[in-house]
């Protein structure tokens, strides 16, 4: 089973293995978060991660979590609360680019809604 996960070349991922897909999609997610941080620097103040696991630092985390859940995002806070606090992002190994695009659109809408409230 581990061999399949590590080595199978999946046509859905353009012939990439699961680990390769995670790396490529992680870079794609990183770029999406960079764009959001550029457009909403007052709300998304930082982010870092590896592959499809990322942590983002946001202002007004509790409001972001609440608004995100209302919009269908399953966001989970992590670490201590404060003016700026972390939110955990975790995507499945078989995540597609369009799913990251959907997430980024809704996450940006979430941050914008909280910022304007």
PDB file of N, CA and C in Angstrom:
ATOM      1  N   UNK A   1       0.818  -1.199   0.000  1.00  0.00           N
ATOM      2  CA  UNK A   1       0.000   0.000   0.000  1.00  0.00           C
ATOM      3  C   UNK A   1       0.865   1.268   0.000  1.00  0.00           C
ATOM      4  N   UNK A   2       1.900   1.304   0.829  1.00  0.00           N
ATOM      5  CA  UNK A   2       2.779   2.465   0.871  1.00  0.00           C
ATOM      6  C   UNK A   2       3.454   2.658  -0.481  1.00  0.00           C
ATOM      7  N   UNK A   3       3.844   1.562  -1.116  1.00  0.00           N
ATOM      8  CA  UNK A   3       4.470   1.635  -2.430  1.00  0.00           C
ATOM      9  C   UNK A   3       3.532   2.282  -3.450  1.00  0.00           C
ATOM     10  N   UNK A   4       2.249   1.956  -3.384  1.00  0.00           N
ATOM     11  CA  UNK A   4       1.271   2.538  -4.305  1.00  0.00           C
ATOM     12  C   UNK A   4       1.180   4.046  -4.087  1.00  0.00           C
ATOM     13  N   UNK A   5       1.068   4.456  -2.838  1.00  0.00           N
ATOM     14  CA  UNK A   5       0.954   5.887  -2.539  1.00  0.00           C
ATOM     15  C   UNK A   5       2.212   6.624  -2.988  1.00  0.00           C
ATOM     16  N   UNK A   6       3.365   6.037  -2.757  1.00  0.00           N
ATOM     17  CA  UNK A   6       4.623   6.714  -3.068  1.00  0.00           C
ATOM     18  C   UNK A   6       4.961   6.711  -4.559  1.00  0.00           C
ATOM     19  N   UNK A   7       4.540   5.677  -5.273  1.00  0.00           N
ATOM     20  CA  UNK A   7       5.052   5.503  -6.629  1.00  0.00           C
ATOM     21  C   UNK A   7       4.018   5.483  -7.748  1.00  0.00           C
ATOM     22  N   UNK A   8       2.753   5.285  -7.434  1.00  0.00           N
ATOM     23  CA  UNK A   8       1.757   5.217  -8.503  1.00  0.00           C
ATOM     24  C   UNK A   8       1.692   6.549  -9.231  1.00  0.00           C
ATOM     25  N   UNK A   9       1.710   6.500 -10.544  1.00  0.00           N
ATOM     26  CA  UNK A   9       1.577   7.685 -11.389  1.00  0.00           C
ATOM     27  C   UNK A   9       0.112   7.793 -11.776  1.00  0.00           C
ATOM     28  N   UNK A  10      -0.550   8.813 -11.266  1.00  0.00           N
ATOM     29  CA  UNK A  10      -1.983   8.941 -11.439  1.00  0.00           C
ATOM     30  C   UNK A  10      -2.297   9.874 -12.602  1.00  0.00           C
ATOM     31  N   UNK A  11      -3.092   9.410 -13.570  1.00  0.00           N
ATOM     32  CA  UNK A  11      -3.435  10.282 -14.704  1.00  0.00           C
ATOM     33  C   UNK A  11      -4.228  11.514 -14.285  1.00  0.00           C
ATOM     34  N   UNK A  12      -4.965  11.429 -13.197  1.00  0.00           N
ATOM     35  CA  UNK A  12      -5.712  12.596 -12.704  1.00  0.00           C
ATOM     36  C   UNK A  12      -4.744  13.710 -12.300  1.00  0.00           C
ATOM     37  N   UNK A  13      -3.544  13.335 -11.877  1.00  0.00           N
ATOM     38  CA  UNK A  13      -2.522  14.311 -11.474  1.00  0.00           C
ATOM     39  C   UNK A  13      -1.489  14.524 -12.576  1.00  0.00           C
ATOM     40  N   UNK A  14      -1.899  14.364 -13.815  1.00  0.00           N
ATOM     41  CA  UNK A  14      -0.978  14.520 -14.950  1.00  0.00           C
ATOM     42  C   UNK A  14       0.230  13.607 -14.829  1.00  0.00           C
ATOM     43  N   UNK A  15      -0.002  12.398 -14.326  1.00  0.00           N
ATOM     44  CA  UNK A  15       1.062  11.410 -14.227  1.00  0.00           C
ATOM     45  C   UNK A  15       1.968  11.562 -13.028  1.00  0.00           C
ATOM     46  N   UNK A  16       1.622  12.423 -12.094  1.00  0.00           N
ATOM     47  CA  UNK A  16       2.426  12.599 -10.885  1.00  0.00           C
ATOM     48  C   UNK A  16       2.027  11.571  -9.830  1.00  0.00           C
ATOM     49  N   UNK A  17       2.932  11.281  -8.912  1.00  0.00           N
ATOM     50  CA  UNK A  17       2.604  10.460  -7.754  1.00  0.00           C
ATOM     51  C   UNK A  17       1.925  11.355  -6.711  1.00  0.00           C
ATOM     52  N   UNK A  18       1.374  10.755  -5.661  1.00  0.00           N
ATOM     53  CA  UNK A  18       0.746  11.549  -4.600  1.00  0.00           C
ATOM     54  C   UNK A  18       1.739  12.542  -3.984  1.00  0.00           C
ATOM     55  N   UNK A  19       2.953  12.122  -3.604  1.00  0.00           N
ATOM     56  CA  UNK A  19       3.890  13.099  -3.032  1.00  0.00           C
ATOM     57  C   UNK A  19       4.243  14.225  -4.004  1.00  0.00           C
ATOM     58  N   UNK A  20       4.427  13.887  -5.277  1.00  0.00           N
ATOM     59  CA  UNK A  20       4.725  14.927  -6.262  1.00  0.00           C
ATOM     60  C   UNK A  20       3.544  15.878  -6.424  1.00  0.00           C
ATOM     61  N   UNK A  21       2.327  15.320  -6.430  1.00  0.00           N
ATOM     62  CA  UNK A  21       1.132  16.150  -6.521  1.00  0.00           C
ATOM     63  C   UNK A  21       1.051  17.107  -5.331  1.00  0.00           C
ATOM     64  N   UNK A  22       1.346  16.599  -4.141  1.00  0.00           N
ATOM     65  CA  UNK A  22       1.311  17.449  -2.941  1.00  0.00           C
ATOM     66  C   UNK A  22       2.305  18.607  -3.057  1.00  0.00           C
ATOM     67  N   UNK A  23       3.487  18.328  -3.574  1.00  0.00           N
ATOM     68  CA  UNK A  23       4.494  19.379  -3.721  1.00  0.00           C
ATOM     69  C   UNK A  23       4.051  20.427  -4.741  1.00  0.00           C
ATOM     70  N   UNK A  24       3.574  19.977  -5.887  1.00  0.00           N
ATOM     71  CA  UNK A  24       3.128  20.899  -6.940  1.00  0.00           C
ATOM     72  C   UNK A  24       1.930  21.714  -6.458  1.00  0.00           C
ATOM     73  N   UNK A  25       0.961  21.051  -5.872  1.00  0.00           N
ATOM     74  CA  UNK A  25      -0.236  21.758  -5.407  1.00  0.00           C
ATOM     75  C   UNK A  25       0.092  22.646  -4.205  1.00  0.00           C
ATOM     76  N   UNK A  26       1.081  22.254  -3.406  1.00  0.00           N
ATOM     77  CA  UNK A  26       1.524  23.117  -2.308  1.00  0.00           C
ATOM     78  C   UNK A  26       2.087  24.424  -2.826  1.00  0.00           C
ATOM     79  N   UNK A  27       2.872  24.356  -3.894  1.00  0.00           N
ATOM     80  CA  UNK A  27       3.383  25.582  -4.517  1.00  0.00           C
ATOM     81  C   UNK A  27       2.228  26.427  -5.061  1.00  0.00           C
ATOM     82  N   UNK A  28       1.236  25.758  -5.625  1.00  0.00           N
ATOM     83  CA  UNK A  28       0.060  26.446  -6.169  1.00  0.00           C
ATOM     84  C   UNK A  28      -0.713  27.143  -5.039  1.00  0.00           C
ATOM     85  N   UNK A  29      -0.877  26.448  -3.912  1.00  0.00           N
ATOM     86  CA  UNK A  29      -1.545  27.031  -2.748  1.00  0.00           C
ATOM     87  C   UNK A  29      -0.748  28.218  -2.221  1.00  0.00           C
ATOM     88  N   UNK A  30       0.563  28.070  -2.148  1.00  0.00           N
ATOM     89  CA  UNK A  30       1.435  29.157  -1.682  1.00  0.00           C
ATOM     90  C   UNK A  30       1.236  30.407  -2.538  1.00  0.00           C
ATOM     91  N   UNK A  31       1.181  30.234  -3.843  1.00  0.00           N
ATOM     92  CA  UNK A  31       0.981  31.375  -4.747  1.00  0.00           C
ATOM     93  C   UNK A  31      -0.392  32.014  -4.530  1.00  0.00           C
ATOM     94  N   UNK A  32      -1.417  31.199  -4.318  1.00  0.00           N
ATOM     95  CA  UNK A  32      -2.759  31.731  -4.066  1.00  0.00           C
ATOM     96  C   UNK A  32      -2.776  32.540  -2.770  1.00  0.00           C
ATOM     97  N   UNK A  33      -2.127  32.032  -1.730  1.00  0.00           N
ATOM     98  CA  UNK A  33      -2.069  32.755  -0.456  1.00  0.00           C
ATOM     99  C   UNK A  33      -1.262  34.043  -0.591  1.00  0.00           C
ATOM    100  N   UNK A  34      -0.199  34.011  -1.389  1.00  0.00           N
ATOM    101  CA  UNK A  34       0.570  35.241  -1.653  1.00  0.00           C
ATOM    102  C   UNK A  34      -0.326  36.312  -2.277  1.00  0.00           C
ATOM    103  N   UNK A  35      -1.145  35.914  -3.252  1.00  0.00           N
ATOM    104  CA  UNK A  35      -2.041  36.876  -3.910  1.00  0.00           C
ATOM    105  C   UNK A  35      -3.059  37.447  -2.915  1.00  0.00           C
ATOM    106  N   UNK A  36      -3.617  36.590  -2.064  1.00  0.00           N
ATOM    107  CA  UNK A  36      -4.588  37.059  -1.074  1.00  0.00           C
ATOM    108  C   UNK A  36      -3.915  38.022  -0.099  1.00  0.00           C
ATOM    109  N   UNK A  37      -2.715  37.681   0.360  1.00  0.00           N
ATOM    110  CA  UNK A  37      -1.987  38.548   1.300  1.00  0.00           C
ATOM    111  C   UNK A  37      -1.676  39.902   0.668  1.00  0.00           C
ATOM    112  N   UNK A  38      -1.403  39.891  -0.614  1.00  0.00           N
ATOM    113  CA  UNK A  38      -1.136  41.148  -1.323  1.00  0.00           C
ATOM    114  C   UNK A  38      -2.391  42.015  -1.404  1.00  0.00           C
ATOM    115  N   UNK A  39      -3.541  41.388  -1.632  1.00  0.00           N
ATOM    116  CA  UNK A  39      -4.797  42.134  -1.763  1.00  0.00           C
ATOM    117  C   UNK A  39      -5.403  42.517  -0.419  1.00  0.00           C
ATOM    118  N   UNK A  40      -5.165  41.708   0.597  1.00  0.00           N
ATOM    119  CA  UNK A  40      -5.749  41.965   1.925  1.00  0.00           C
ATOM    120  C   UNK A  40      -4.671  41.909   3.011  1.00  0.00           C
ATOM    121  N   UNK A  41      -3.673  42.788   2.944  1.00  0.00           N
ATOM    122  CA  UNK A  41      -2.564  42.723   3.903  1.00  0.00           C
ATOM    123  C   UNK A  41      -2.984  43.019   5.340  1.00  0.00           C
ATOM    124  N   UNK A  42      -4.112  43.694   5.508  1.00  0.00           N
ATOM    125  CA  UNK A  42      -4.594  43.968   6.854  1.00  0.00           C
ATOM    126  C   UNK A  42      -5.255  42.770   7.510  1.00  0.00           C
ATOM    127  N   UNK A  43      -5.556  41.740   6.735  1.00  0.00           N
ATOM    128  CA  UNK A  43      -6.219  40.553   7.275  1.00  0.00           C
ATOM    129  C   UNK A  43      -5.328  39.314   7.255  1.00  0.00           C
ATOM    130  N   UNK A  44      -4.660  39.046   6.159  1.00  0.00           N
ATOM    131  CA  UNK A  44      -3.761  37.890   6.054  1.00  0.00           C
ATOM    132  C   UNK A  44      -2.346  38.422   6.195  1.00  0.00           C
ATOM    133  N   UNK A  45      -1.776  38.270   7.389  1.00  0.00           N
ATOM    134  CA  UNK A  45      -0.502  38.919   7.686  1.00  0.00           C
ATOM    135  C   UNK A  45       0.702  38.000   7.511  1.00  0.00           C
ATOM    136  N   UNK A  46       0.464  36.726   7.266  1.00  0.00           N
ATOM    137  CA  UNK A  46       1.569  35.810   7.030  1.00  0.00           C
ATOM    138  C   UNK A  46       1.073  34.410   6.753  1.00  0.00           C
ATOM    139  N   UNK A  47       1.926  33.614   6.149  1.00  0.00           N
ATOM    140  CA  UNK A  47       1.587  32.204   5.917  1.00  0.00           C
ATOM    141  C   UNK A  47       2.855  31.428   5.621  1.00  0.00           C
ATOM    142  N   UNK A  48       2.820  30.161   5.963  1.00  0.00           N
ATOM    143  CA  UNK A  48       3.934  29.270   5.676  1.00  0.00           C
ATOM    144  C   UNK A  48       3.435  27.846   5.698  1.00  0.00           C
ATOM    145  N   UNK A  49       4.161  26.990   5.037  1.00  0.00           N
ATOM    146  CA  UNK A  49       3.761  25.602   5.041  1.00  0.00           C
ATOM    147  C   UNK A  49       4.638  24.758   4.155  1.00  0.00           C
ATOM    148  N   UNK A  50       4.234  23.522   4.073  1.00  0.00           N
ATOM    149  CA  UNK A  50       4.940  22.564   3.232  1.00  0.00           C
ATOM    150  C   UNK A  50       3.902  21.683   2.568  1.00  0.00           C
ATOM    151  N   UNK A  51       4.035  21.540   1.259  1.00  0.00           N
ATOM    152  CA  UNK A  51       3.062  20.723   0.547  1.00  0.00           C
ATOM    153  C   UNK A  51       1.671  21.300   0.739  1.00  0.00           C
ATOM    154  N   UNK A  52       0.744  20.449   1.142  1.00  0.00           N
ATOM    155  CA  UNK A  52      -0.652  20.876   1.304  1.00  0.00           C
ATOM    156  C   UNK A  52      -1.029  21.153   2.756  1.00  0.00           C
ATOM    157  N   UNK A  53      -0.020  21.345   3.618  1.00  0.00           N
ATOM    158  CA  UNK A  53      -0.256  21.737   5.012  1.00  0.00           C
ATOM    159  C   UNK A  53       0.302  23.144   5.197  1.00  0.00           C
ATOM    160  N   UNK A  54      -0.569  24.071   5.549  1.00  0.00           N
ATOM    161  CA  UNK A  54      -0.144  25.455   5.730  1.00  0.00           C
ATOM    162  C   UNK A  54      -0.762  26.039   6.984  1.00  0.00           C
ATOM    163  N   UNK A  55      -0.076  27.030   7.522  1.00  0.00           N
ATOM    164  CA  UNK A  55      -0.615  27.841   8.594  1.00  0.00           C
ATOM    165  C   UNK A  55      -0.663  29.270   8.096  1.00  0.00           C
ATOM    166  N   UNK A  56      -1.772  29.936   8.349  1.00  0.00           N
ATOM    167  CA  UNK A  56      -1.905  31.338   7.963  1.00  0.00           C
ATOM    168  C   UNK A  56      -2.127  32.161   9.216  1.00  0.00           C
ATOM    169  N   UNK A  57      -1.567  33.334   9.234  1.00  0.00           N
ATOM    170  CA  UNK A  57      -1.774  34.259  10.339  1.00  0.00           C
ATOM    171  C   UNK A  57      -2.761  35.312   9.881  1.00  0.00           C
ATOM    172  N   UNK A  58      -3.846  35.434  10.644  1.00  0.00           N
ATOM    173  CA  UNK A  58      -4.905  36.376  10.293  1.00  0.00           C
ATOM    174  C   UNK A  58      -5.201  37.282  11.474  1.00  0.00           C
ATOM    175  N   UNK A  59      -5.778  38.400  11.180  1.00  0.00           N
ATOM    176  CA  UNK A  59      -6.337  39.271  12.228  1.00  0.00           C
ATOM    177  C   UNK A  59      -7.779  38.826  12.469  1.00  0.00           C
ATOM    178  N   UNK A  60      -8.241  39.014  13.696  1.00  0.00           N
ATOM    179  CA  UNK A  60      -9.630  38.704  14.064  1.00  0.00           C
ATOM    180  C   UNK A  60      -9.975  37.236  13.764  1.00  0.00           C
ATOM    181  N   UNK A  61      -9.115  36.342  14.248  1.00  0.00           N
ATOM    182  CA  UNK A  61      -9.242  34.924  13.924  1.00  0.00           C
ATOM    183  C   UNK A  61     -10.624  34.365  14.228  1.00  0.00           C
ATOM    184  N   UNK A  62     -11.188  34.663  15.372  1.00  0.00           N
ATOM    185  CA  UNK A  62     -12.488  34.070  15.717  1.00  0.00           C
ATOM    186  C   UNK A  62     -13.556  34.473  14.708  1.00  0.00           C
ATOM    187  N   UNK A  63     -13.549  35.729  14.290  1.00  0.00           N
ATOM    188  CA  UNK A  63     -14.511  36.177  13.276  1.00  0.00           C
ATOM    189  C   UNK A  63     -14.240  35.507  11.932  1.00  0.00           C
ATOM    190  N   UNK A  64     -12.963  35.315  11.593  1.00  0.00           N
ATOM    191  CA  UNK A  64     -12.610  34.634  10.339  1.00  0.00           C
ATOM    192  C   UNK A  64     -13.092  33.188  10.379  1.00  0.00           C
ATOM    193  N   UNK A  65     -12.860  32.499  11.500  1.00  0.00           N
ATOM    194  CA  UNK A  65     -13.319  31.110  11.619  1.00  0.00           C
ATOM    195  C   UNK A  65     -14.832  31.025  11.473  1.00  0.00           C
ATOM    196  N   UNK A  66     -15.529  31.886  12.168  1.00  0.00           N
ATOM    197  CA  UNK A  66     -16.991  31.872  12.128  1.00  0.00           C
ATOM    198  C   UNK A  66     -17.516  32.157  10.719  1.00  0.00           C
ATOM    199  N   UNK A  67     -16.979  33.179  10.082  1.00  0.00           N
ATOM    200  CA  UNK A  67     -17.417  33.531   8.730  1.00  0.00           C
ATOM    201  C   UNK A  67     -17.023  32.444   7.737  1.00  0.00           C
ATOM    202  N   UNK A  68     -15.851  31.878   7.906  1.00  0.00           N
ATOM    203  CA  UNK A  68     -15.420  30.792   7.028  1.00  0.00           C
ATOM    204  C   UNK A  68     -16.348  29.587   7.107  1.00  0.00           C
ATOM    205  N   UNK A  69     -16.699  29.164   8.305  1.00  0.00           N
ATOM    206  CA  UNK A  69     -17.629  28.039   8.473  1.00  0.00           C
ATOM    207  C   UNK A  69     -18.970  28.368   7.847  1.00  0.00           C
ATOM    208  N   UNK A  70     -19.419  29.620   8.016  1.00  0.00           N
ATOM    209  CA  UNK A  70     -20.696  30.023   7.427  1.00  0.00           C
ATOM    210  C   UNK A  70     -20.660  29.885   5.904  1.00  0.00           C
ATOM    211  N   UNK A  71     -19.492  30.095   5.324  1.00  0.00           N
ATOM    212  CA  UNK A  71     -19.338  30.021   3.869  1.00  0.00           C
ATOM    213  C   UNK A  71     -18.913  28.629   3.385  1.00  0.00           C
ATOM    214  N   UNK A  72     -18.789  27.677   4.315  1.00  0.00           N
ATOM    215  CA  UNK A  72     -18.470  26.306   3.932  1.00  0.00           C
ATOM    216  C   UNK A  72     -17.015  25.904   4.060  1.00  0.00           C
ATOM    217  N   UNK A  73     -16.155  26.775   4.598  1.00  0.00           N
ATOM    218  CA  UNK A  73     -14.756  26.424   4.813  1.00  0.00           C
ATOM    219  C   UNK A  73     -14.601  25.781   6.187  1.00  0.00           C
ATOM    220  N   UNK A  74     -13.903  24.697   6.243  1.00  0.00           N
ATOM    221  CA  UNK A  74     -13.649  24.002   7.511  1.00  0.00           C
ATOM    222  C   UNK A  74     -12.314  24.490   8.060  1.00  0.00           C
ATOM    223  N   UNK A  75     -12.311  25.653   8.682  1.00  0.00           N
ATOM    224  CA  UNK A  75     -11.104  26.270   9.214  1.00  0.00           C
ATOM    225  C   UNK A  75     -10.964  25.935  10.689  1.00  0.00           C
ATOM    226  N   UNK A  76      -9.726  25.732  11.125  1.00  0.00           N
ATOM    227  CA  UNK A  76      -9.448  25.393  12.518  1.00  0.00           C
ATOM    228  C   UNK A  76      -8.348  26.325  13.013  1.00  0.00           C
ATOM    229  N   UNK A  77      -8.612  26.989  14.122  1.00  0.00           N
ATOM    230  CA  UNK A  77      -7.599  27.827  14.731  1.00  0.00           C
ATOM    231  C   UNK A  77      -6.550  26.957  15.409  1.00  0.00           C
ATOM    232  N   UNK A  78      -5.341  27.479  15.516  1.00  0.00           N
ATOM    233  CA  UNK A  78      -4.289  26.764  16.240  1.00  0.00           C
ATOM    234  C   UNK A  78      -3.397  27.791  16.930  1.00  0.00           C
ATOM    235  N   UNK A  79      -2.831  27.385  18.026  1.00  0.00           N
ATOM    236  CA  UNK A  79      -1.973  28.286  18.773  1.00  0.00           C
ATOM    237  C   UNK A  79      -2.770  29.277  19.601  1.00  0.00           C
ATOM    238  N   UNK A  80      -2.058  30.164  20.278  1.00  0.00           N
ATOM    239  CA  UNK A  80      -2.721  31.125  21.159  1.00  0.00           C
ATOM    240  C   UNK A  80      -3.540  32.162  20.393  1.00  0.00           C
ATOM    241  N   UNK A  81      -4.583  32.654  21.035  1.00  0.00           N
ATOM    242  CA  UNK A  81      -5.397  33.730  20.478  1.00  0.00           C
ATOM    243  C   UNK A  81      -4.642  35.043  20.633  1.00  0.00           C
ATOM    244  N   UNK A  82      -5.053  36.027  19.876  1.00  0.00           N
ATOM    245  CA  UNK A  82      -4.434  37.342  19.982  1.00  0.00           C
ATOM    246  C   UNK A  82      -4.864  38.203  18.817  1.00  0.00           C
ATOM    247  N   UNK A  83      -4.293  39.401  18.733  1.00  0.00           N
ATOM    248  CA  UNK A  83      -4.603  40.320  17.635  1.00  0.00           C
ATOM    249  C   UNK A  83      -4.340  39.641  16.297  1.00  0.00           C
ATOM    250  N   UNK A  84      -3.262  38.908  16.231  1.00  0.00           N
ATOM    251  CA  UNK A  84      -2.962  38.085  15.061  1.00  0.00           C
ATOM    252  C   UNK A  84      -2.828  36.650  15.550  1.00  0.00           C
ATOM    253  N   UNK A  85      -3.503  35.729  14.895  1.00  0.00           N
ATOM    254  CA  UNK A  85      -3.469  34.332  15.344  1.00  0.00           C
ATOM    255  C   UNK A  85      -3.507  33.403  14.134  1.00  0.00           C
ATOM    256  N   UNK A  86      -3.132  32.165  14.366  1.00  0.00           N
ATOM    257  CA  UNK A  86      -2.967  31.197  13.283  1.00  0.00           C
ATOM    258  C   UNK A  86      -4.233  30.405  12.996  1.00  0.00           C
ATOM    259  N   UNK A  87      -4.369  30.048  11.730  1.00  0.00           N
ATOM    260  CA  UNK A  87      -5.408  29.152  11.246  1.00  0.00           C
ATOM    261  C   UNK A  87      -4.692  28.037  10.491  1.00  0.00           C
ATOM    262  N   UNK A  88      -5.107  26.829  10.737  1.00  0.00           N
ATOM    263  CA  UNK A  88      -4.508  25.659  10.103  1.00  0.00           C
ATOM    264  C   UNK A  88      -5.245  25.331   8.812  1.00  0.00           C
ATOM    265  N   UNK A  89      -4.495  25.098   7.744  1.00  0.00           N
ATOM    266  CA  UNK A  89      -5.063  24.663   6.466  1.00  0.00           C
ATOM    267  C   UNK A  89      -4.467  23.301   6.135  1.00  0.00           C
ATOM    268  N   UNK A  90      -5.307  22.346   5.856  1.00  0.00           N
ATOM    269  CA  UNK A  90      -4.844  21.012   5.513  1.00  0.00           C
ATOM    270  C   UNK A  90      -5.697  20.476   4.384  1.00  0.00           C
ATOM    271  N   UNK A  91      -5.052  20.151   3.281  1.00  0.00           N
ATOM    272  CA  UNK A  91      -5.739  19.617   2.113  1.00  0.00           C
ATOM    273  C   UNK A  91      -5.355  18.153   1.938  1.00  0.00           C
ATOM    274  N   UNK A  92      -6.232  17.375   1.341  1.00  0.00           N
ATOM    275  CA  UNK A  92      -5.962  15.969   1.079  1.00  0.00           C
ATOM    276  C   UNK A  92      -4.891  15.813   0.003  1.00  0.00           C
ATOM    277  N   UNK A  93      -4.226  14.673  -0.007  1.00  0.00           N
ATOM    278  CA  UNK A  93      -3.146  14.412  -0.957  1.00  0.00           C
ATOM    279  C   UNK A  93      -3.630  14.419  -2.401  1.00  0.00           C
ATOM    280  N   UNK A  94      -4.923  14.177  -2.610  1.00  0.00           N
ATOM    281  CA  UNK A  94      -5.432  14.142  -3.982  1.00  0.00           C
ATOM    282  C   UNK A  94      -6.129  15.441  -4.386  1.00  0.00           C
ATOM    283  N   UNK A  95      -5.788  16.532  -3.727  1.00  0.00           N
ATOM    284  CA  UNK A  95      -6.386  17.830  -4.032  1.00  0.00           C
ATOM    285  C   UNK A  95      -6.057  18.258  -5.466  1.00  0.00           C
ATOM    286  N   UNK A  96      -7.057  18.809  -6.110  1.00  0.00           N
ATOM    287  CA  UNK A  96      -6.911  19.304  -7.478  1.00  0.00           C
ATOM    288  C   UNK A  96      -6.737  20.822  -7.469  1.00  0.00           C
ATOM    289  N   UNK A  97      -6.149  21.355  -8.516  1.00  0.00           N
ATOM    290  CA  UNK A  97      -5.932  22.801  -8.616  1.00  0.00           C
ATOM    291  C   UNK A  97      -7.248  23.561  -8.517  1.00  0.00           C
ATOM    292  N   UNK A  98      -8.306  23.054  -9.130  1.00  0.00           N
ATOM    293  CA  UNK A  98      -9.589  23.770  -9.079  1.00  0.00           C
ATOM    294  C   UNK A  98     -10.141  23.817  -7.651  1.00  0.00           C
ATOM    295  N   UNK A  99      -9.819  22.819  -6.840  1.00  0.00           N
ATOM    296  CA  UNK A  99     -10.252  22.844  -5.438  1.00  0.00           C
ATOM    297  C   UNK A  99      -9.493  23.913  -4.660  1.00  0.00           C
ATOM    298  N   UNK A 100      -8.226  24.095  -4.969  1.00  0.00           N
ATOM    299  CA  UNK A 100      -7.458  25.171  -4.345  1.00  0.00           C
ATOM    300  C   UNK A 100      -7.990  26.519  -4.813  1.00  0.00           C
ATOM    301  N   UNK A 101      -8.327  26.623  -6.088  1.00  0.00           N
ATOM    302  CA  UNK A 101      -8.922  27.865  -6.604  1.00  0.00           C
ATOM    303  C   UNK A 101     -10.228  28.188  -5.882  1.00  0.00           C
ATOM    304  N   UNK A 102     -11.078  27.179  -5.691  1.00  0.00           N
ATOM    305  CA  UNK A 102     -12.346  27.381  -4.978  1.00  0.00           C
ATOM    306  C   UNK A 102     -12.087  27.824  -3.546  1.00  0.00           C
ATOM    307  N   UNK A 103     -11.157  27.143  -2.875  1.00  0.00           N
ATOM    308  CA  UNK A 103     -10.817  27.526  -1.505  1.00  0.00           C
ATOM    309  C   UNK A 103     -10.333  28.972  -1.462  1.00  0.00           C
ATOM    310  N   UNK A 104      -9.387  29.324  -2.345  1.00  0.00           N
ATOM    311  CA  UNK A 104      -8.804  30.668  -2.327  1.00  0.00           C
ATOM    312  C   UNK A 104      -9.860  31.742  -2.541  1.00  0.00           C
ATOM    313  N   UNK A 105     -10.783  31.486  -3.459  1.00  0.00           N
ATOM    314  CA  UNK A 105     -11.853  32.458  -3.720  1.00  0.00           C
ATOM    315  C   UNK A 105     -12.701  32.668  -2.468  1.00  0.00           C
ATOM    316  N   UNK A 106     -13.140  31.590  -1.846  1.00  0.00           N
ATOM    317  CA  UNK A 106     -14.007  31.698  -0.671  1.00  0.00           C
ATOM    318  C   UNK A 106     -13.229  32.247   0.527  1.00  0.00           C
ATOM    319  N   UNK A 107     -11.972  31.855   0.680  1.00  0.00           N
ATOM    320  CA  UNK A 107     -11.158  32.365   1.787  1.00  0.00           C
ATOM    321  C   UNK A 107     -10.950  33.869   1.641  1.00  0.00           C
ATOM    322  N   UNK A 108     -10.676  34.320   0.438  1.00  0.00           N
ATOM    323  CA  UNK A 108     -10.514  35.763   0.220  1.00  0.00           C
ATOM    324  C   UNK A 108     -11.830  36.502   0.491  1.00  0.00           C
ATOM    325  N   UNK A 109     -12.943  35.948   0.038  1.00  0.00           N
ATOM    326  CA  UNK A 109     -14.253  36.549   0.334  1.00  0.00           C
ATOM    327  C   UNK A 109     -14.508  36.595   1.831  1.00  0.00           C
ATOM    328  N   UNK A 110     -14.112  35.551   2.539  1.00  0.00           N
ATOM    329  CA  UNK A 110     -14.260  35.496   3.994  1.00  0.00           C
ATOM    330  C   UNK A 110     -13.473  36.605   4.666  1.00  0.00           C
ATOM    331  N   UNK A 111     -12.207  36.731   4.299  1.00  0.00           N
ATOM    332  CA  UNK A 111     -11.358  37.765   4.896  1.00  0.00           C
ATOM    333  C   UNK A 111     -11.888  39.156   4.590  1.00  0.00           C
ATOM    334  N   UNK A 112     -12.334  39.373   3.351  1.00  0.00           N
ATOM    335  CA  UNK A 112     -12.862  40.676   2.970  1.00  0.00           C
ATOM    336  C   UNK A 112     -14.129  41.007   3.760  1.00  0.00           C
ATOM    337  N   UNK A 113     -14.983  40.000   3.969  1.00  0.00           N
ATOM    338  CA  UNK A 113     -16.219  40.231   4.734  1.00  0.00           C
ATOM    339  C   UNK A 113     -15.907  40.596   6.185  1.00  0.00           C
ATOM    340  N   UNK A 114     -14.944  39.907   6.775  1.00  0.00           N
ATOM    341  CA  UNK A 114     -14.571  40.215   8.164  1.00  0.00           C
ATOM    342  C   UNK A 114     -13.922  41.582   8.244  1.00  0.00           C
ATOM    343  N   UNK A 115     -13.076  41.897   7.296  1.00  0.00           N
ATOM    344  CA  UNK A 115     -12.411  43.200   7.293  1.00  0.00           C
ATOM    345  C   UNK A 115     -13.419  44.341   7.211  1.00  0.00           C
ATOM    346  N   UNK A 116     -14.459  44.161   6.420  1.00  0.00           N
ATOM    347  CA  UNK A 116     -15.434  45.243   6.222  1.00  0.00           C
ATOM    348  C   UNK A 116     -16.502  45.314   7.324  1.00  0.00           C
ATOM    349  N   UNK A 117     -16.515  44.335   8.212  1.00  0.00           N
ATOM    350  CA  UNK A 117     -17.546  44.350   9.278  1.00  0.00           C
ATOM    351  C   UNK A 117     -17.096  45.105  10.511  1.00  0.00           C
TER     352      UNK A 117
END
